[in-house]
N, C-alpha and C. Protein backbone atom coordinates (compact mmCIF):
# COMPACT_ATOMS: atom_id res chain seq x y z
N MET A 1 0.71 -0.99 -0.39
CA MET A 1 0.08 0.05 0.10
C MET A 1 0.95 1.16 0.40
N THR A 2 0.02 2.33 -1.25
CA THR A 2 1.05 2.94 -1.34
C THR A 2 1.65 3.89 0.25
N ALA A 3 0.16 4.26 0.71
CA ALA A 3 0.25 5.36 1.83
C ALA A 3 1.35 4.86 3.15
N ILE A 4 1.80 3.44 3.51
CA ILE A 4 2.41 3.54 4.83
C ILE A 4 3.81 3.09 3.60
N ARG A 5 3.86 3.15 2.81
CA ARG A 5 5.12 3.92 1.61
C ARG A 5 5.63 5.19 2.61
N VAL A 6 4.54 5.91 2.48
CA VAL A 6 4.89 7.36 2.25
C VAL A 6 5.56 7.26 3.51
N LEU A 7 4.16 6.89 4.61
CA LEU A 7 4.70 6.87 6.66
C LEU A 7 5.91 6.76 6.88
N ILE A 8 6.32 5.13 6.14
CA ILE A 8 7.49 4.57 6.04
C ILE A 8 8.68 6.86 6.15
N CYS A 9 9.00 6.36 4.77
CA CYS A 9 9.16 7.07 4.53
C CYS A 9 9.72 8.58 5.39
N TRP A 10 8.37 8.37 5.52
CA TRP A 10 8.14 9.80 6.23
C TRP A 10 8.98 10.13 8.09
N VAL A 11 8.78 9.13 8.39
CA VAL A 11 9.61 8.92 9.37
C VAL A 11 11.08 8.45 9.30
N TYR A 12 10.60 8.08 8.38
CA TYR A 12 13.05 7.67 8.23
C TYR A 12 13.22 8.49 8.31
N THR A 13 12.80 9.85 7.83
CA THR A 13 13.01 11.66 6.94
C THR A 13 13.14 11.81 7.79
N ASN A 14 12.27 11.53 9.03
CA ASN A 14 11.83 12.77 10.05
C ASN A 14 13.05 12.48 11.43
N THR A 15 14.06 10.86 10.76
CA THR A 15 14.31 10.51 12.20
C THR A 15 15.76 10.12 12.20
N ARG A 16 15.70 9.78 11.04
CA ARG A 16 16.72 8.95 10.31
C ARG A 16 16.95 7.50 10.83
N SER A 17 15.89 7.02 11.00
CA SER A 17 15.97 5.40 12.47
C SER A 17 15.70 3.77 11.67
N VAL A 18 16.40 3.35 11.12
CA VAL A 18 16.01 2.25 10.60
C VAL A 18 14.75 1.75 11.57
N LEU A 19 15.14 1.41 12.43
CA LEU A 19 15.04 1.16 13.82
C LEU A 19 13.40 1.27 14.26
N ALA A 20 12.98 2.70 13.94
CA ALA A 20 11.80 3.62 14.17
C ALA A 20 10.77 3.25 13.18
N SER A 21 11.34 3.06 11.40
CA SER A 21 10.38 2.89 10.18
C SER A 21 10.24 1.57 10.37
N GLN A 22 11.44 0.39 10.82
CA GLN A 22 11.04 -0.54 11.11
C GLN A 22 10.04 -1.34 12.14
N LEU A 23 9.93 -0.52 13.60
CA LEU A 23 8.11 -0.98 14.08
C LEU A 23 7.54 -0.03 13.24
N LEU A 24 7.63 0.90 12.76
CA LEU A 24 6.11 1.48 11.78
C LEU A 24 6.15 -0.03 10.86
N HIS A 25 6.84 -0.33 10.07
CA HIS A 25 6.05 -1.19 9.51
C HIS A 25 5.86 -2.69 10.14
N ILE A 26 6.31 -2.74 11.56
CA ILE A 26 5.76 -4.32 11.87
C ILE A 26 4.72 -3.67 12.83
N SER A 27 3.96 -2.64 12.96
CA SER A 27 3.12 -1.93 13.98
C SER A 27 1.80 -2.24 12.82
N SER A 28 2.23 -1.67 12.01
CA SER A 28 1.46 -1.62 10.74
C SER A 28 0.60 -3.21 9.90
N THR A 29 1.62 -4.11 9.98
CA THR A 29 2.48 -4.94 9.53
C THR A 29 0.79 -6.23 10.70
N SER A 30 0.85 -5.67 11.58
CA SER A 30 0.65 -6.71 12.81
C SER A 30 -1.00 -6.42 13.20
N SER A 31 -1.23 -4.77 13.47
CA SER A 31 -1.99 -4.78 12.76
C SER A 31 -3.64 -5.42 12.12
N LEU A 32 -3.64 -5.37 11.25
CA LEU A 32 -4.55 -6.38 9.57
C LEU A 32 -4.03 -7.48 11.02
N VAL A 33 -3.59 -7.66 11.43
CA VAL A 33 -3.29 -9.86 11.66
C VAL A 33 -4.78 -9.46 13.39
N VAL A 34 -3.94 -8.24 14.17
CA VAL A 34 -4.80 -8.30 15.43
C VAL A 34 -6.16 -8.00 15.50
N PHE A 35 -6.54 -7.08 14.67
CA PHE A 35 -7.54 -5.99 14.67
C PHE A 35 -8.76 -7.20 13.05
N SER A 36 -7.88 -7.64 12.61
CA SER A 36 -8.91 -8.47 11.34
C SER A 36 -9.95 -8.32 12.01
N PRO A 37 -11.71 -9.28 12.03
CA PRO A 37 -12.58 -9.85 12.48
C PRO A 37 -12.10 -11.41 10.91
N ALA A 38 -12.58 -12.36 12.23
CA ALA A 38 -12.69 -13.14 12.19
C ALA A 38 -13.62 -14.73 10.89
N ARG A 39 -12.94 -14.79 10.27
CA ARG A 39 -14.25 -15.73 9.51
C ARG A 39 -15.28 -14.67 9.08
N ILE A 40 -14.62 -13.93 7.35
CA ILE A 40 -15.38 -12.85 6.83
C ILE A 40 -15.16 -13.38 5.38
N ASN A 41 -16.32 -12.74 4.93
CA ASN A 41 -15.93 -13.50 3.26
C ASN A 41 -15.55 -13.12 2.65
N ALA A 42 -14.73 -12.68 1.52
CA ALA A 42 -14.53 -11.91 0.28
C ALA A 42 -14.70 -10.77 0.63
N ALA A 43 -16.13 -10.48 0.10
CA ALA A 43 -16.31 -8.99 -0.08
C ALA A 43 -16.34 -7.92 1.30
N GLN A 44 -16.29 -8.74 2.36
CA GLN A 44 -16.35 -7.94 3.41
C GLN A 44 -14.65 -7.47 3.85
N GLU A 45 -14.35 -8.69 3.89
CA GLU A 45 -12.32 -8.60 3.45
C GLU A 45 -11.90 -7.64 2.94
N VAL A 46 -12.53 -7.30 1.38
CA VAL A 46 -11.77 -5.29 0.62
C VAL A 46 -12.65 -4.80 0.83
N VAL A 47 -13.97 -4.92 1.91
CA VAL A 47 -14.46 -3.47 3.65
C VAL A 47 -13.54 -3.46 3.69
N TRP A 48 -12.81 -4.55 4.70
CA TRP A 48 -11.92 -4.09 6.37
C TRP A 48 -10.72 -3.00 4.81
N TYR A 49 -9.90 -4.29 4.67
CA TYR A 49 -8.60 -3.38 3.88
C TYR A 49 -8.78 -1.96 2.94
N ALA A 50 -10.47 -1.83 3.00
CA ALA A 50 -10.78 -0.47 1.47
C ALA A 50 -11.23 0.72 3.08
N LEU A 51 -10.89 -0.31 5.24
CA LEU A 51 -11.75 0.95 5.41
C LEU A 51 -9.72 0.92 5.64
N TYR A 52 -8.94 0.80 5.85
CA TYR A 52 -7.41 0.18 6.13
C TYR A 52 -7.30 1.16 5.54
N ALA A 53 -7.00 0.61 4.25
CA ALA A 53 -6.75 2.59 3.38
C ALA A 53 -6.84 3.41 3.34
N PHE A 54 -7.75 3.96 3.49
CA PHE A 54 -8.47 5.20 3.95
C PHE A 54 -7.94 5.57 5.21
N THR A 55 -7.85 5.30 6.40
CA THR A 55 -7.72 5.46 7.67
C THR A 55 -5.86 5.60 7.13
N LEU A 56 -5.17 5.01 6.33
CA LEU A 56 -3.41 5.76 5.90
C LEU A 56 -3.72 6.41 5.01
N TRP A 57 -4.24 6.96 3.97
CA TRP A 57 -4.41 7.44 3.19
C TRP A 57 -4.47 8.96 4.21
N LEU A 58 -5.82 9.03 5.19
CA LEU A 58 -5.79 10.66 6.29
C LEU A 58 -5.03 10.42 6.77
N ILE A 59 -4.03 10.06 7.19
CA ILE A 59 -2.77 10.49 9.15
C ILE A 59 -2.19 10.77 7.32
N VAL A 60 -1.79 10.00 6.31
CA VAL A 60 -0.80 10.73 5.39
C VAL A 60 -1.79 12.62 5.16
N ALA A 61 -2.50 12.51 4.71
CA ALA A 61 -3.38 14.03 4.46
C ALA A 61 -3.30 14.35 5.64
N ILE A 62 -2.64 14.40 7.27
CA ILE A 62 -3.06 15.54 8.14
C ILE A 62 -1.23 15.17 7.96
N VAL A 63 -0.62 14.59 8.64
CA VAL A 63 0.79 15.03 7.89
C VAL A 63 1.20 16.15 6.62
N TYR A 64 0.28 15.68 5.56
CA TYR A 64 1.60 16.47 4.62
C TYR A 64 0.68 18.42 4.80
N LYS A 65 -0.80 18.50 5.96
CA LYS A 65 -0.72 19.52 5.80
C LYS A 65 -0.86 19.68 6.95
N THR A 66 0.14 19.11 8.45
CA THR A 66 1.65 20.37 8.67
C THR A 66 2.62 20.21 8.69
N TYR A 67 3.53 19.45 7.72
CA TYR A 67 5.11 19.29 6.97
C TYR A 67 5.11 20.19 5.71
N GLY A 68 3.60 20.31 4.92
CA GLY A 68 4.01 20.94 3.08
C GLY A 68 4.83 20.06 2.53
N LYS A 69 4.89 19.32 1.15
CA LYS A 69 5.60 18.70 0.09
C LYS A 69 6.45 17.75 0.83
N THR A 70 7.53 18.74 2.17
CA THR A 70 8.48 18.58 1.67
C THR A 70 8.90 17.40 3.02
N LEU A 71 7.37 17.49 3.94
CA LEU A 71 7.21 16.81 5.04
C LEU A 71 8.69 16.65 5.86
N THR A 72 8.91 16.95 5.62
CA THR A 72 10.25 17.62 6.96
C THR A 72 10.48 18.64 7.48
N ARG A 73 10.50 18.66 8.50
CA ARG A 73 10.53 19.35 10.00
C ARG A 73 11.36 20.56 9.11
N ALA A 74 10.97 21.40 9.35
CA ALA A 74 11.89 22.85 9.47
C ALA A 74 13.32 22.84 9.35
N ALA A 75 14.89 22.53 9.22
CA ALA A 75 15.64 23.45 9.73
C ALA A 75 15.69 23.91 11.32
N SER A 76 16.10 23.56 12.24
CA SER A 76 16.75 24.43 12.87
C SER A 76 17.49 25.76 13.17
């Protein structure tokens, strides 16, 4: 998913920490496993992933609105 990649890159760009980027990736993947409903059909799974994608894109929009096109903090 593109949105999670944008967020991972944003975390790395602002922290220069591979560990922080990996932890974001791990938390994203594990949240899909932990919070996904059990015993769902294909249509419900599509809705689940669409909701997850929408949430990620909403976070990307908030980061974009806060940090601008460069997605980096202002230089000190």
